[in-house]
Amino acid sequence: MTMNRQKKNTLLLLAAVLLISALSWAVYGFRTGAFQKKDTKTVEIQVDGSRYGRYPLDQDTEFEIQSIAGHVHFIIKDGKAAITESTCPDKVCVHTGWISQSGELIVCLPNQVVVTVL
């Protein structure tokens, strides 16, 4: 009887571990956009800690983003996004270049602008 109980407990523990793993994988996938179709990538822009907007990478556009600290010039072209001009002193955001892969970021700390490919 104790052998059957041990097998049952082992199976329950294994099932619980598998369930937790599956749920963790699902949450990660939905939060990072890993389950999106690859041809429908978007960029999310946050300014001063708030969502500024989401824009599809398959539609070329460009505009100025104004923050409390300054502004940046943002471009989407040929399925890629970039900040091409900025009022920040070091221009790290400009030197980051073009991004197009899920999870890639452009960060402009002085102007408080974050661009993320979803």
PDB file of N, CA and C in Angstrom:
ATOM      1  N   MET A   1       0.803  -1.202   0.000  1.00  0.00           N
ATOM      2  CA  MET A   1       0.000   0.000   0.000  1.00  0.00           C
ATOM      3  C   MET A   1       0.846   1.265   0.000  1.00  0.00           C
ATOM      4  N   THR A   2       1.932   1.267   0.723  1.00  0.00           N
ATOM      5  CA  THR A   2       2.770   2.464   0.754  1.00  0.00           C
ATOM      6  C   THR A   2       3.431   2.702  -0.604  1.00  0.00           C
ATOM      7  N   MET A   3       3.685   1.627  -1.352  1.00  0.00           N
ATOM      8  CA  MET A   3       4.282   1.794  -2.675  1.00  0.00           C
ATOM      9  C   MET A   3       3.297   2.472  -3.619  1.00  0.00           C
ATOM     10  N   ASN A   4       2.032   2.098  -3.582  1.00  0.00           N
ATOM     11  CA  ASN A   4       1.017   2.731  -4.419  1.00  0.00           C
ATOM     12  C   ASN A   4       0.829   4.191  -4.029  1.00  0.00           C
ATOM     13  N   ARG A   5       0.863   4.470  -2.745  1.00  0.00           N
ATOM     14  CA  ARG A   5       0.707   5.846  -2.270  1.00  0.00           C
ATOM     15  C   ARG A   5       1.893   6.696  -2.731  1.00  0.00           C
ATOM     16  N   GLN A   6       3.106   6.132  -2.688  1.00  0.00           N
ATOM     17  CA  GLN A   6       4.283   6.861  -3.152  1.00  0.00           C
ATOM     18  C   GLN A   6       4.193   7.150  -4.651  1.00  0.00           C
ATOM     19  N   LYS A   7       3.732   6.162  -5.427  1.00  0.00           N
ATOM     20  CA  LYS A   7       3.571   6.368  -6.864  1.00  0.00           C
ATOM     21  C   LYS A   7       2.539   7.457  -7.136  1.00  0.00           C
ATOM     22  N   LYS A   8       1.445   7.417  -6.386  1.00  0.00           N
ATOM     23  CA  LYS A   8       0.391   8.409  -6.564  1.00  0.00           C
ATOM     24  C   LYS A   8       0.915   9.809  -6.219  1.00  0.00           C
ATOM     25  N   ASN A   9       1.643   9.935  -5.114  1.00  0.00           N
ATOM     26  CA  ASN A   9       2.206  11.228  -4.719  1.00  0.00           C
ATOM     27  C   ASN A   9       3.230  11.724  -5.741  1.00  0.00           C
ATOM     28  N   THR A  10       4.031  10.798  -6.250  1.00  0.00           N
ATOM     29  CA  THR A  10       5.018  11.167  -7.260  1.00  0.00           C
ATOM     30  C   THR A  10       4.334  11.659  -8.530  1.00  0.00           C
ATOM     31  N   LEU A  11       3.295  10.970  -8.958  1.00  0.00           N
ATOM     32  CA  LEU A  11       2.557  11.388 -10.150  1.00  0.00           C
ATOM     33  C   LEU A  11       1.875  12.739  -9.940  1.00  0.00           C
ATOM     34  N   LEU A  12       1.315  12.964  -8.762  1.00  0.00           N
ATOM     35  CA  LEU A  12       0.688  14.257  -8.469  1.00  0.00           C
ATOM     36  C   LEU A  12       1.725  15.378  -8.468  1.00  0.00           C
ATOM     37  N   LEU A  13       2.877  15.119  -7.888  1.00  0.00           N
ATOM     38  CA  LEU A  13       3.942  16.116  -7.874  1.00  0.00           C
ATOM     39  C   LEU A  13       4.423  16.415  -9.295  1.00  0.00           C
ATOM     40  N   LEU A  14       4.597  15.384 -10.098  1.00  0.00           N
ATOM     41  CA  LEU A  14       5.014  15.557 -11.486  1.00  0.00           C
ATOM     42  C   LEU A  14       3.974  16.352 -12.275  1.00  0.00           C
ATOM     43  N   ALA A  15       2.705  16.035 -12.077  1.00  0.00           N
ATOM     44  CA  ALA A  15       1.631  16.766 -12.759  1.00  0.00           C
ATOM     45  C   ALA A  15       1.622  18.236 -12.343  1.00  0.00           C
ATOM     46  N   ALA A  16       1.836  18.507 -11.065  1.00  0.00           N
ATOM     47  CA  ALA A  16       1.865  19.892 -10.582  1.00  0.00           C
ATOM     48  C   ALA A  16       3.038  20.657 -11.187  1.00  0.00           C
ATOM     49  N   VAL A  17       4.195  20.024 -11.249  1.00  0.00           N
ATOM     50  CA  VAL A  17       5.374  20.674 -11.838  1.00  0.00           C
ATOM     51  C   VAL A  17       5.138  20.960 -13.319  1.00  0.00           C
ATOM     52  N   LEU A  18       4.566  19.999 -14.043  1.00  0.00           N
ATOM     53  CA  LEU A  18       4.275  20.207 -15.460  1.00  0.00           C
ATOM     54  C   LEU A  18       3.252  21.317 -15.670  1.00  0.00           C
ATOM     55  N   LEU A  19       2.239  21.383 -14.830  1.00  0.00           N
ATOM     56  CA  LEU A  19       1.222  22.427 -14.928  1.00  0.00           C
ATOM     57  C   LEU A  19       1.827  23.805 -14.669  1.00  0.00           C
ATOM     58  N   ILE A  20       2.648  23.912 -13.645  1.00  0.00           N
ATOM     59  CA  ILE A  20       3.303  25.194 -13.338  1.00  0.00           C
ATOM     60  C   ILE A  20       4.230  25.599 -14.483  1.00  0.00           C
ATOM     61  N   SER A  21       4.947  24.641 -15.048  1.00  0.00           N
ATOM     62  CA  SER A  21       5.834  24.944 -16.179  1.00  0.00           C
ATOM     63  C   SER A  21       5.044  25.432 -17.388  1.00  0.00           C
ATOM     64  N   ALA A  22       3.940  24.771 -17.693  1.00  0.00           N
ATOM     65  CA  ALA A  22       3.116  25.169 -18.834  1.00  0.00           C
ATOM     66  C   ALA A  22       2.521  26.559 -18.629  1.00  0.00           C
ATOM     67  N   LEU A  23       2.051  26.840 -17.426  1.00  0.00           N
ATOM     68  CA  LEU A  23       1.492  28.164 -17.140  1.00  0.00           C
ATOM     69  C   LEU A  23       2.564  29.249 -17.224  1.00  0.00           C
ATOM     70  N   SER A  24       3.747  28.965 -16.716  1.00  0.00           N
ATOM     71  CA  SER A  24       4.845  29.935 -16.792  1.00  0.00           C
ATOM     72  C   SER A  24       5.214  30.221 -18.241  1.00  0.00           C
ATOM     73  N   TRP A  25       5.281  29.188 -19.055  1.00  0.00           N
ATOM     74  CA  TRP A  25       5.597  29.348 -20.465  1.00  0.00           C
ATOM     75  C   TRP A  25       4.528  30.179 -21.168  1.00  0.00           C
ATOM     76  N   ALA A  26       3.255  29.922 -20.866  1.00  0.00           N
ATOM     77  CA  ALA A  26       2.161  30.673 -21.486  1.00  0.00           C
ATOM     78  C   ALA A  26       2.198  32.145 -21.084  1.00  0.00           C
ATOM     79  N   VAL A  27       2.404  32.422 -19.814  1.00  0.00           N
ATOM     80  CA  VAL A  27       2.477  33.814 -19.349  1.00  0.00           C
ATOM     81  C   VAL A  27       3.652  34.524 -20.008  1.00  0.00           C
ATOM     82  N   TYR A  28       4.804  33.883 -20.064  1.00  0.00           N
ATOM     83  CA  TYR A  28       5.978  34.476 -20.711  1.00  0.00           C
ATOM     84  C   TYR A  28       5.687  34.767 -22.183  1.00  0.00           C
ATOM     85  N   GLY A  29       5.094  33.822 -22.869  1.00  0.00           N
ATOM     86  CA  GLY A  29       4.804  33.990 -24.295  1.00  0.00           C
ATOM     87  C   GLY A  29       3.857  35.133 -24.580  1.00  0.00           C
ATOM     88  N   PHE A  30       2.815  35.262 -23.784  1.00  0.00           N
ATOM     89  CA  PHE A  30       1.858  36.344 -24.008  1.00  0.00           C
ATOM     90  C   PHE A  30       2.437  37.696 -23.614  1.00  0.00           C
ATOM     91  N   ARG A  31       3.228  37.751 -22.567  1.00  0.00           N
ATOM     92  CA  ARG A  31       3.802  39.035 -22.129  1.00  0.00           C
ATOM     93  C   ARG A  31       4.867  39.549 -23.085  1.00  0.00           C
ATOM     94  N   THR A  32       5.618  38.655 -23.703  1.00  0.00           N
ATOM     95  CA  THR A  32       6.687  39.083 -24.605  1.00  0.00           C
ATOM     96  C   THR A  32       6.240  39.159 -26.056  1.00  0.00           C
ATOM     97  N   GLY A  33       5.032  38.724 -26.341  1.00  0.00           N
ATOM     98  CA  GLY A  33       4.551  38.757 -27.716  1.00  0.00           C
ATOM     99  C   GLY A  33       5.072  37.604 -28.556  1.00  0.00           C
ATOM    100  N   ALA A  34       5.585  36.576 -27.924  1.00  0.00           N
ATOM    101  CA  ALA A  34       6.156  35.447 -28.653  1.00  0.00           C
ATOM    102  C   ALA A  34       5.109  34.677 -29.449  1.00  0.00           C
ATOM    103  N   PHE A  35       3.835  34.819 -29.094  1.00  0.00           N
ATOM    104  CA  PHE A  35       2.783  34.095 -29.788  1.00  0.00           C
ATOM    105  C   PHE A  35       2.179  34.903 -30.930  1.00  0.00           C
ATOM    106  N   GLN A  36       2.681  36.107 -31.174  1.00  0.00           N
ATOM    107  CA  GLN A  36       2.189  36.901 -32.288  1.00  0.00           C
ATOM    108  C   GLN A  36       2.757  36.353 -33.588  1.00  0.00           C
ATOM    109  N   LYS A  37       2.021  36.572 -34.670  1.00  0.00           N
ATOM    110  CA  LYS A  37       2.553  36.218 -35.976  1.00  0.00           C
ATOM    111  C   LYS A  37       3.765  37.090 -36.248  1.00  0.00           C
ATOM    112  N   LYS A  38       4.751  36.517 -36.879  1.00  0.00           N
ATOM    113  CA  LYS A  38       5.993  37.243 -37.123  1.00  0.00           C
ATOM    114  C   LYS A  38       5.808  38.395 -38.106  1.00  0.00           C
ATOM    115  N   ASP A  39       4.808  38.315 -38.985  1.00  0.00           N
ATOM    116  CA  ASP A  39       4.628  39.383 -39.957  1.00  0.00           C
ATOM    117  C   ASP A  39       3.780  40.536 -39.426  1.00  0.00           C
ATOM    118  N   THR A  40       3.340  40.469 -38.181  1.00  0.00           N
ATOM    119  CA  THR A  40       2.525  41.546 -37.613  1.00  0.00           C
ATOM    120  C   THR A  40       3.230  42.196 -36.424  1.00  0.00           C
ATOM    121  N   LYS A  41       4.528  42.330 -36.507  1.00  0.00           N
ATOM    122  CA  LYS A  41       5.276  42.943 -35.403  1.00  0.00           C
ATOM    123  C   LYS A  41       4.880  44.402 -35.243  1.00  0.00           C
ATOM    124  N   THR A  42       4.897  44.831 -34.008  1.00  0.00           N
ATOM    125  CA  THR A  42       4.598  46.224 -33.697  1.00  0.00           C
ATOM    126  C   THR A  42       5.678  46.759 -32.767  1.00  0.00           C
ATOM    127  N   VAL A  43       5.752  48.075 -32.691  1.00  0.00           N
ATOM    128  CA  VAL A  43       6.607  48.703 -31.698  1.00  0.00           C
ATOM    129  C   VAL A  43       5.711  49.430 -30.716  1.00  0.00           C
ATOM    130  N   GLU A  44       6.103  49.356 -29.457  1.00  0.00           N
ATOM    131  CA  GLU A  44       5.402  50.106 -28.421  1.00  0.00           C
ATOM    132  C   GLU A  44       6.340  51.199 -27.944  1.00  0.00           C
ATOM    133  N   ILE A  45       5.803  52.402 -27.858  1.00  0.00           N
ATOM    134  CA  ILE A  45       6.590  53.539 -27.395  1.00  0.00           C
ATOM    135  C   ILE A  45       6.054  53.980 -26.048  1.00  0.00           C
ATOM    136  N   GLN A  46       6.954  54.126 -25.085  1.00  0.00           N
ATOM    137  CA  GLN A  46       6.600  54.667 -23.775  1.00  0.00           C
ATOM    138  C   GLN A  46       7.341  55.982 -23.589  1.00  0.00           C
ATOM    139  N   VAL A  47       6.610  56.978 -23.118  1.00  0.00           N
ATOM    140  CA  VAL A  47       7.181  58.300 -22.872  1.00  0.00           C
ATOM    141  C   VAL A  47       6.844  58.704 -21.447  1.00  0.00           C
ATOM    142  N   ASP A  48       7.845  59.102 -20.698  1.00  0.00           N
ATOM    143  CA  ASP A  48       7.664  59.514 -19.300  1.00  0.00           C
ATOM    144  C   ASP A  48       6.955  58.437 -18.477  1.00  0.00           C
ATOM    145  N   GLY A  49       7.209  57.151 -18.793  1.00  0.00           N
ATOM    146  CA  GLY A  49       6.654  56.039 -18.034  1.00  0.00           C
ATOM    147  C   GLY A  49       5.252  55.622 -18.427  1.00  0.00           C
ATOM    148  N   SER A  50       4.641  56.275 -19.415  1.00  0.00           N
ATOM    149  CA  SER A  50       3.288  55.926 -19.861  1.00  0.00           C
ATOM    150  C   SER A  50       3.322  55.502 -21.327  1.00  0.00           C
ATOM    151  N   ARG A  51       2.369  54.620 -21.687  1.00  0.00           N
ATOM    152  CA  ARG A  51       2.321  54.178 -23.078  1.00  0.00           C
ATOM    153  C   ARG A  51       1.923  55.345 -23.976  1.00  0.00           C
ATOM    154  N   TYR A  52       2.737  55.597 -24.970  1.00  0.00           N
ATOM    155  CA  TYR A  52       2.504  56.665 -25.945  1.00  0.00           C
ATOM    156  C   TYR A  52       1.710  56.131 -27.127  1.00  0.00           C
ATOM    157  N   GLY A  53       2.023  54.874 -27.519  1.00  0.00           N
ATOM    158  CA  GLY A  53       1.301  54.270 -28.635  1.00  0.00           C
ATOM    159  C   GLY A  53       1.967  53.007 -29.123  1.00  0.00           C
ATOM    160  N   ARG A  54       1.222  52.298 -29.985  1.00  0.00           N
ATOM    161  CA  ARG A  54       1.729  51.102 -30.664  1.00  0.00           C
ATOM    162  C   ARG A  54       1.585  51.322 -32.160  1.00  0.00           C
ATOM    163  N   TYR A  55       2.618  50.924 -32.895  1.00  0.00           N
ATOM    164  CA  TYR A  55       2.637  51.165 -34.325  1.00  0.00           C
ATOM    165  C   TYR A  55       3.129  49.914 -35.047  1.00  0.00           C
ATOM    166  N   PRO A  56       2.439  49.491 -36.122  1.00  0.00           N
ATOM    167  CA  PRO A  56       2.886  48.310 -36.868  1.00  0.00           C
ATOM    168  C   PRO A  56       4.160  48.617 -37.648  1.00  0.00           C
ATOM    169  N   LEU A  57       5.058  47.651 -37.683  1.00  0.00           N
ATOM    170  CA  LEU A  57       6.317  47.840 -38.401  1.00  0.00           C
ATOM    171  C   LEU A  57       6.148  47.763 -39.915  1.00  0.00           C
ATOM    172  N   ASP A  58       4.995  47.297 -40.378  1.00  0.00           N
ATOM    173  CA  ASP A  58       4.806  47.191 -41.824  1.00  0.00           C
ATOM    174  C   ASP A  58       4.217  48.459 -42.445  1.00  0.00           C
ATOM    175  N   GLN A  59       4.052  49.518 -41.652  1.00  0.00           N
ATOM    176  CA  GLN A  59       3.547  50.794 -42.177  1.00  0.00           C
ATOM    177  C   GLN A  59       4.581  51.888 -41.901  1.00  0.00           C
ATOM    178  N   ASP A  60       5.190  52.389 -42.957  1.00  0.00           N
ATOM    179  CA  ASP A  60       6.205  53.438 -42.808  1.00  0.00           C
ATOM    180  C   ASP A  60       5.582  54.708 -42.239  1.00  0.00           C
ATOM    181  N   THR A  61       6.262  55.304 -41.275  1.00  0.00           N
ATOM    182  CA  THR A  61       5.800  56.549 -40.667  1.00  0.00           C
ATOM    183  C   THR A  61       6.975  57.233 -39.987  1.00  0.00           C
ATOM    184  N   GLU A  62       6.809  58.501 -39.684  1.00  0.00           N
ATOM    185  CA  GLU A  62       7.798  59.208 -38.873  1.00  0.00           C
ATOM    186  C   GLU A  62       7.127  60.385 -38.190  1.00  0.00           C
ATOM    187  N   PHE A  63       7.605  60.683 -36.986  1.00  0.00           N
ATOM    188  CA  PHE A  63       7.035  61.783 -36.212  1.00  0.00           C
ATOM    189  C   PHE A  63       7.968  62.161 -35.076  1.00  0.00           C
ATOM    190  N   GLU A  64       7.677  63.288 -34.466  1.00  0.00           N
ATOM    191  CA  GLU A  64       8.411  63.778 -33.300  1.00  0.00           C
ATOM    192  C   GLU A  64       7.703  63.292 -32.041  1.00  0.00           C
ATOM    193  N   ILE A  65       8.479  62.898 -31.049  1.00  0.00           N
ATOM    194  CA  ILE A  65       7.939  62.510 -29.746  1.00  0.00           C
ATOM    195  C   ILE A  65       8.447  63.523 -28.733  1.00  0.00           C
ATOM    196  N   GLN A  66       7.527  64.201 -28.091  1.00  0.00           N
ATOM    197  CA  GLN A  66       7.865  65.221 -27.103  1.00  0.00           C
ATOM    198  C   GLN A  66       7.712  64.626 -25.706  1.00  0.00           C
ATOM    199  N   SER A  67       8.728  64.785 -24.874  1.00  0.00           N
ATOM    200  CA  SER A  67       8.646  64.347 -23.480  1.00  0.00           C
ATOM    201  C   SER A  67       8.867  65.555 -22.587  1.00  0.00           C
ATOM    202  N   ILE A  68       8.846  65.325 -21.298  1.00  0.00           N
ATOM    203  CA  ILE A  68       9.081  66.408 -20.344  1.00  0.00           C
ATOM    204  C   ILE A  68      10.487  66.984 -20.526  1.00  0.00           C
ATOM    205  N   ALA A  69      11.453  66.115 -20.823  1.00  0.00           N
ATOM    206  CA  ALA A  69      12.859  66.525 -20.861  1.00  0.00           C
ATOM    207  C   ALA A  69      13.358  66.956 -22.236  1.00  0.00           C
ATOM    208  N   GLY A  70      12.655  66.631 -23.300  1.00  0.00           N
ATOM    209  CA  GLY A  70      13.127  66.963 -24.638  1.00  0.00           C
ATOM    210  C   GLY A  70      12.305  66.256 -25.693  1.00  0.00           C
ATOM    211  N   HIS A  71      12.908  66.027 -26.857  1.00  0.00           N
ATOM    212  CA  HIS A  71      12.177  65.327 -27.907  1.00  0.00           C
ATOM    213  C   HIS A  71      13.117  64.445 -28.725  1.00  0.00           C
ATOM    214  N   VAL A  72      12.501  63.474 -29.426  1.00  0.00           N
ATOM    215  CA  VAL A  72      13.223  62.588 -30.332  1.00  0.00           C
ATOM    216  C   VAL A  72      12.456  62.513 -31.647  1.00  0.00           C
ATOM    217  N   HIS A  73      13.164  62.207 -32.719  1.00  0.00           N
ATOM    218  CA  HIS A  73      12.550  61.995 -34.032  1.00  0.00           C
ATOM    219  C   HIS A  73      12.524  60.492 -34.269  1.00  0.00           C
ATOM    220  N   PHE A  74      11.331  59.936 -34.480  1.00  0.00           N
ATOM    221  CA  PHE A  74      11.118  58.492 -34.579  1.00  0.00           C
ATOM    222  C   PHE A  74      10.705  58.138 -36.003  1.00  0.00           C
ATOM    223  N   ILE A  75      11.265  57.036 -36.530  1.00  0.00           N
ATOM    224  CA  ILE A  75      10.952  56.590 -37.888  1.00  0.00           C
ATOM    225  C   ILE A  75      10.681  55.088 -37.898  1.00  0.00           C
ATOM    226  N   ILE A  76       9.656  54.682 -38.670  1.00  0.00           N
ATOM    227  CA  ILE A  76       9.460  53.279 -39.046  1.00  0.00           C
ATOM    228  C   ILE A  76       9.583  53.239 -40.563  1.00  0.00           C
ATOM    229  N   LYS A  77      10.487  52.371 -41.063  1.00  0.00           N
ATOM    230  CA  LYS A  77      10.697  52.260 -42.502  1.00  0.00           C
ATOM    231  C   LYS A  77      11.188  50.855 -42.834  1.00  0.00           C
ATOM    232  N   ASP A  78      10.586  50.251 -43.839  1.00  0.00           N
ATOM    233  CA  ASP A  78      10.996  48.924 -44.322  1.00  0.00           C
ATOM    234  C   ASP A  78      11.002  47.874 -43.214  1.00  0.00           C
ATOM    235  N   GLY A  79      10.022  47.932 -42.314  1.00  0.00           N
ATOM    236  CA  GLY A  79       9.905  46.928 -41.261  1.00  0.00           C
ATOM    237  C   GLY A  79      10.857  47.104 -40.102  1.00  0.00           C
ATOM    238  N   LYS A  80      11.490  48.272 -39.996  1.00  0.00           N
ATOM    239  CA  LYS A  80      12.433  48.550 -38.913  1.00  0.00           C
ATOM    240  C   LYS A  80      12.091  49.894 -38.286  1.00  0.00           C
ATOM    241  N   ALA A  81      12.512  50.084 -37.042  1.00  0.00           N
ATOM    242  CA  ALA A  81      12.253  51.337 -36.329  1.00  0.00           C
ATOM    243  C   ALA A  81      13.564  51.912 -35.814  1.00  0.00           C
ATOM    244  N   ALA A  82      13.607  53.252 -35.729  1.00  0.00           N
ATOM    245  CA  ALA A  82      14.812  53.913 -35.224  1.00  0.00           C
ATOM    246  C   ALA A  82      14.466  55.289 -34.687  1.00  0.00           C
ATOM    247  N   ILE A  83      15.310  55.756 -33.781  1.00  0.00           N
ATOM    248  CA  ILE A  83      15.304  57.158 -33.382  1.00  0.00           C
ATOM    249  C   ILE A  83      16.477  57.785 -34.130  1.00  0.00           C
ATOM    250  N   THR A  84      16.185  58.788 -34.961  1.00  0.00           N
ATOM    251  CA  THR A  84      17.230  59.362 -35.813  1.00  0.00           C
ATOM    252  C   THR A  84      17.775  60.686 -35.299  1.00  0.00           C
ATOM    253  N   GLU A  85      17.019  61.368 -34.453  1.00  0.00           N
ATOM    254  CA  GLU A  85      17.481  62.622 -33.858  1.00  0.00           C
ATOM    255  C   GLU A  85      16.990  62.678 -32.422  1.00  0.00           C
ATOM    256  N   SER A  86      17.764  63.333 -31.563  1.00  0.00           N
ATOM    257  CA  SER A  86      17.381  63.453 -30.167  1.00  0.00           C
ATOM    258  C   SER A  86      18.050  64.675 -29.552  1.00  0.00           C
ATOM    259  N   THR A  87      17.388  65.233 -28.542  1.00  0.00           N
ATOM    260  CA  THR A  87      17.967  66.370 -27.825  1.00  0.00           C
ATOM    261  C   THR A  87      18.852  65.932 -26.668  1.00  0.00           C
ATOM    262  N   CYS A  88      19.010  64.621 -26.466  1.00  0.00           N
ATOM    263  CA  CYS A  88      19.848  64.138 -25.365  1.00  0.00           C
ATOM    264  C   CYS A  88      21.328  64.379 -25.678  1.00  0.00           C
ATOM    265  N   PRO A  89      22.177  64.491 -24.660  1.00  0.00           N
ATOM    266  CA  PRO A  89      23.583  64.845 -24.896  1.00  0.00           C
ATOM    267  C   PRO A  89      24.429  63.735 -25.536  1.00  0.00           C
ATOM    268  N   ASP A  90      24.237  62.483 -25.158  1.00  0.00           N
ATOM    269  CA  ASP A  90      25.112  61.407 -25.634  1.00  0.00           C
ATOM    270  C   ASP A  90      24.627  60.724 -26.907  1.00  0.00           C
ATOM    271  N   LYS A  91      23.367  60.850 -27.225  1.00  0.00           N
ATOM    272  CA  LYS A  91      22.774  60.273 -28.446  1.00  0.00           C
ATOM    273  C   LYS A  91      22.900  58.746 -28.510  1.00  0.00           C
ATOM    274  N   VAL A  92      22.866  58.083 -27.353  1.00  0.00           N
ATOM    275  CA  VAL A  92      22.925  56.614 -27.329  1.00  0.00           C
ATOM    276  C   VAL A  92      21.735  56.035 -28.084  1.00  0.00           C
ATOM    277  N   CYS A  93      20.581  56.657 -27.944  1.00  0.00           N
ATOM    278  CA  CYS A  93      19.378  56.176 -28.627  1.00  0.00           C
ATOM    279  C   CYS A  93      19.533  56.259 -30.144  1.00  0.00           C
ATOM    280  N   VAL A  94      20.163  57.293 -30.640  1.00  0.00           N
ATOM    281  CA  VAL A  94      20.392  57.447 -32.079  1.00  0.00           C
ATOM    282  C   VAL A  94      21.410  56.413 -32.558  1.00  0.00           C
ATOM    283  N   HIS A  95      22.460  56.187 -31.772  1.00  0.00           N
ATOM    284  CA  HIS A  95      23.510  55.238 -32.148  1.00  0.00           C
ATOM    285  C   HIS A  95      23.067  53.781 -32.013  1.00  0.00           C
ATOM    286  N   THR A  96      21.954  53.524 -31.340  1.00  0.00           N
ATOM    287  CA  THR A  96      21.425  52.155 -31.257  1.00  0.00           C
ATOM    288  C   THR A  96      21.085  51.646 -32.648  1.00  0.00           C
ATOM    289  N   GLY A  97      20.630  52.524 -33.504  1.00  0.00           N
ATOM    290  CA  GLY A  97      20.326  52.135 -34.881  1.00  0.00           C
ATOM    291  C   GLY A  97      18.931  51.554 -35.025  1.00  0.00           C
ATOM    292  N   TRP A  98      18.777  50.751 -36.067  1.00  0.00           N
ATOM    293  CA  TRP A  98      17.471  50.195 -36.427  1.00  0.00           C
ATOM    294  C   TRP A  98      17.200  48.919 -35.645  1.00  0.00           C
ATOM    295  N   ILE A  99      15.941  48.753 -35.222  1.00  0.00           N
ATOM    296  CA  ILE A  99      15.522  47.535 -34.525  1.00  0.00           C
ATOM    297  C   ILE A  99      14.330  46.938 -35.262  1.00  0.00           C
ATOM    298  N   SER A 100      14.236  45.596 -35.232  1.00  0.00           N
ATOM    299  CA  SER A 100      13.121  44.933 -35.912  1.00  0.00           C
ATOM    300  C   SER A 100      12.752  43.589 -35.302  1.00  0.00           C
ATOM    301  N   GLN A 101      13.556  43.075 -34.396  1.00  0.00           N
ATOM    302  CA  GLN A 101      13.314  41.759 -33.810  1.00  0.00           C
ATOM    303  C   GLN A 101      12.610  41.884 -32.467  1.00  0.00           C
ATOM    304  N   SER A 102      11.718  40.957 -32.177  1.00  0.00           N
ATOM    305  CA  SER A 102      10.979  40.973 -30.910  1.00  0.00           C
ATOM    306  C   SER A 102      11.935  41.058 -29.732  1.00  0.00           C
ATOM    307  N   GLY A 103      11.633  41.965 -28.816  1.00  0.00           N
ATOM    308  CA  GLY A 103      12.437  42.137 -27.619  1.00  0.00           C
ATOM    309  C   GLY A 103      13.514  43.196 -27.731  1.00  0.00           C
ATOM    310  N   GLU A 104      13.818  43.662 -28.937  1.00  0.00           N
ATOM    311  CA  GLU A 104      14.837  44.705 -29.086  1.00  0.00           C
ATOM    312  C   GLU A 104      14.305  46.040 -28.563  1.00  0.00           C
ATOM    313  N   LEU A 105      15.218  46.856 -28.042  1.00  0.00           N
ATOM    314  CA  LEU A 105      14.848  48.131 -27.415  1.00  0.00           C
ATOM    315  C   LEU A 105      15.700  49.276 -27.930  1.00  0.00           C
ATOM    316  N   ILE A 106      15.098  50.454 -27.928  1.00  0.00           N
ATOM    317  CA  ILE A 106      15.842  51.703 -28.025  1.00  0.00           C
ATOM    318  C   ILE A 106      15.444  52.488 -26.791  1.00  0.00           C
ATOM    319  N   VAL A 107      16.425  52.923 -26.022  1.00  0.00           N
ATOM    320  CA  VAL A 107      16.144  53.643 -24.780  1.00  0.00           C
ATOM    321  C   VAL A 107      16.848  54.993 -24.818  1.00  0.00           C
ATOM    322  N   CYS A 108      16.093  56.039 -24.536  1.00  0.00           N
ATOM    323  CA  CYS A 108      16.661  57.379 -24.380  1.00  0.00           C
ATOM    324  C   CYS A 108      16.352  57.813 -22.949  1.00  0.00           C
ATOM    325  N   LEU A 109      17.293  57.573 -22.053  1.00  0.00           N
ATOM    326  CA  LEU A 109      17.058  57.886 -20.641  1.00  0.00           C
ATOM    327  C   LEU A 109      16.847  59.376 -20.379  1.00  0.00           C
ATOM    328  N   PRO A 110      17.665  60.266 -20.943  1.00  0.00           N
ATOM    329  CA  PRO A 110      17.448  61.688 -20.644  1.00  0.00           C
ATOM    330  C   PRO A 110      16.059  62.186 -21.060  1.00  0.00           C
ATOM    331  N   ASN A 111      15.561  61.697 -22.197  1.00  0.00           N
ATOM    332  CA  ASN A 111      14.244  62.124 -22.676  1.00  0.00           C
ATOM    333  C   ASN A 111      13.116  61.209 -22.214  1.00  0.00           C
ATOM    334  N   GLN A 112      13.452  60.149 -21.498  1.00  0.00           N
ATOM    335  CA  GLN A 112      12.486  59.206 -20.940  1.00  0.00           C
ATOM    336  C   GLN A 112      11.604  58.579 -22.019  1.00  0.00           C
ATOM    337  N   VAL A 113      12.250  58.093 -23.095  1.00  0.00           N
ATOM    338  CA  VAL A 113      11.553  57.439 -24.199  1.00  0.00           C
ATOM    339  C   VAL A 113      12.098  56.020 -24.338  1.00  0.00           C
ATOM    340  N   VAL A 114      11.179  55.041 -24.414  1.00  0.00           N
ATOM    341  CA  VAL A 114      11.555  53.642 -24.614  1.00  0.00           C
ATOM    342  C   VAL A 114      10.754  53.104 -25.794  1.00  0.00           C
ATOM    343  N   VAL A 115      11.443  52.505 -26.767  1.00  0.00           N
ATOM    344  CA  VAL A 115      10.809  51.889 -27.930  1.00  0.00           C
ATOM    345  C   VAL A 115      11.117  50.399 -27.866  1.00  0.00           C
ATOM    346  N   THR A 116      10.071  49.558 -27.902  1.00  0.00           N
ATOM    347  CA  THR A 116      10.229  48.114 -27.792  1.00  0.00           C
ATOM    348  C   THR A 116       9.545  47.429 -28.960  1.00  0.00           C
ATOM    349  N   VAL A 117      10.219  46.474 -29.595  1.00  0.00           N
ATOM    350  CA  VAL A 117       9.584  45.655 -30.624  1.00  0.00           C
ATOM    351  C   VAL A 117       8.864  44.515 -29.922  1.00  0.00           C
ATOM    352  N   LEU A 118       7.574  44.395 -30.187  1.00  0.00           N
ATOM    353  CA  LEU A 118       6.768  43.337 -29.564  1.00  0.00           C
ATOM    354  C   LEU A 118       6.673  42.132 -30.467  1.00  0.00           C
TER     355      LEU A 118
END
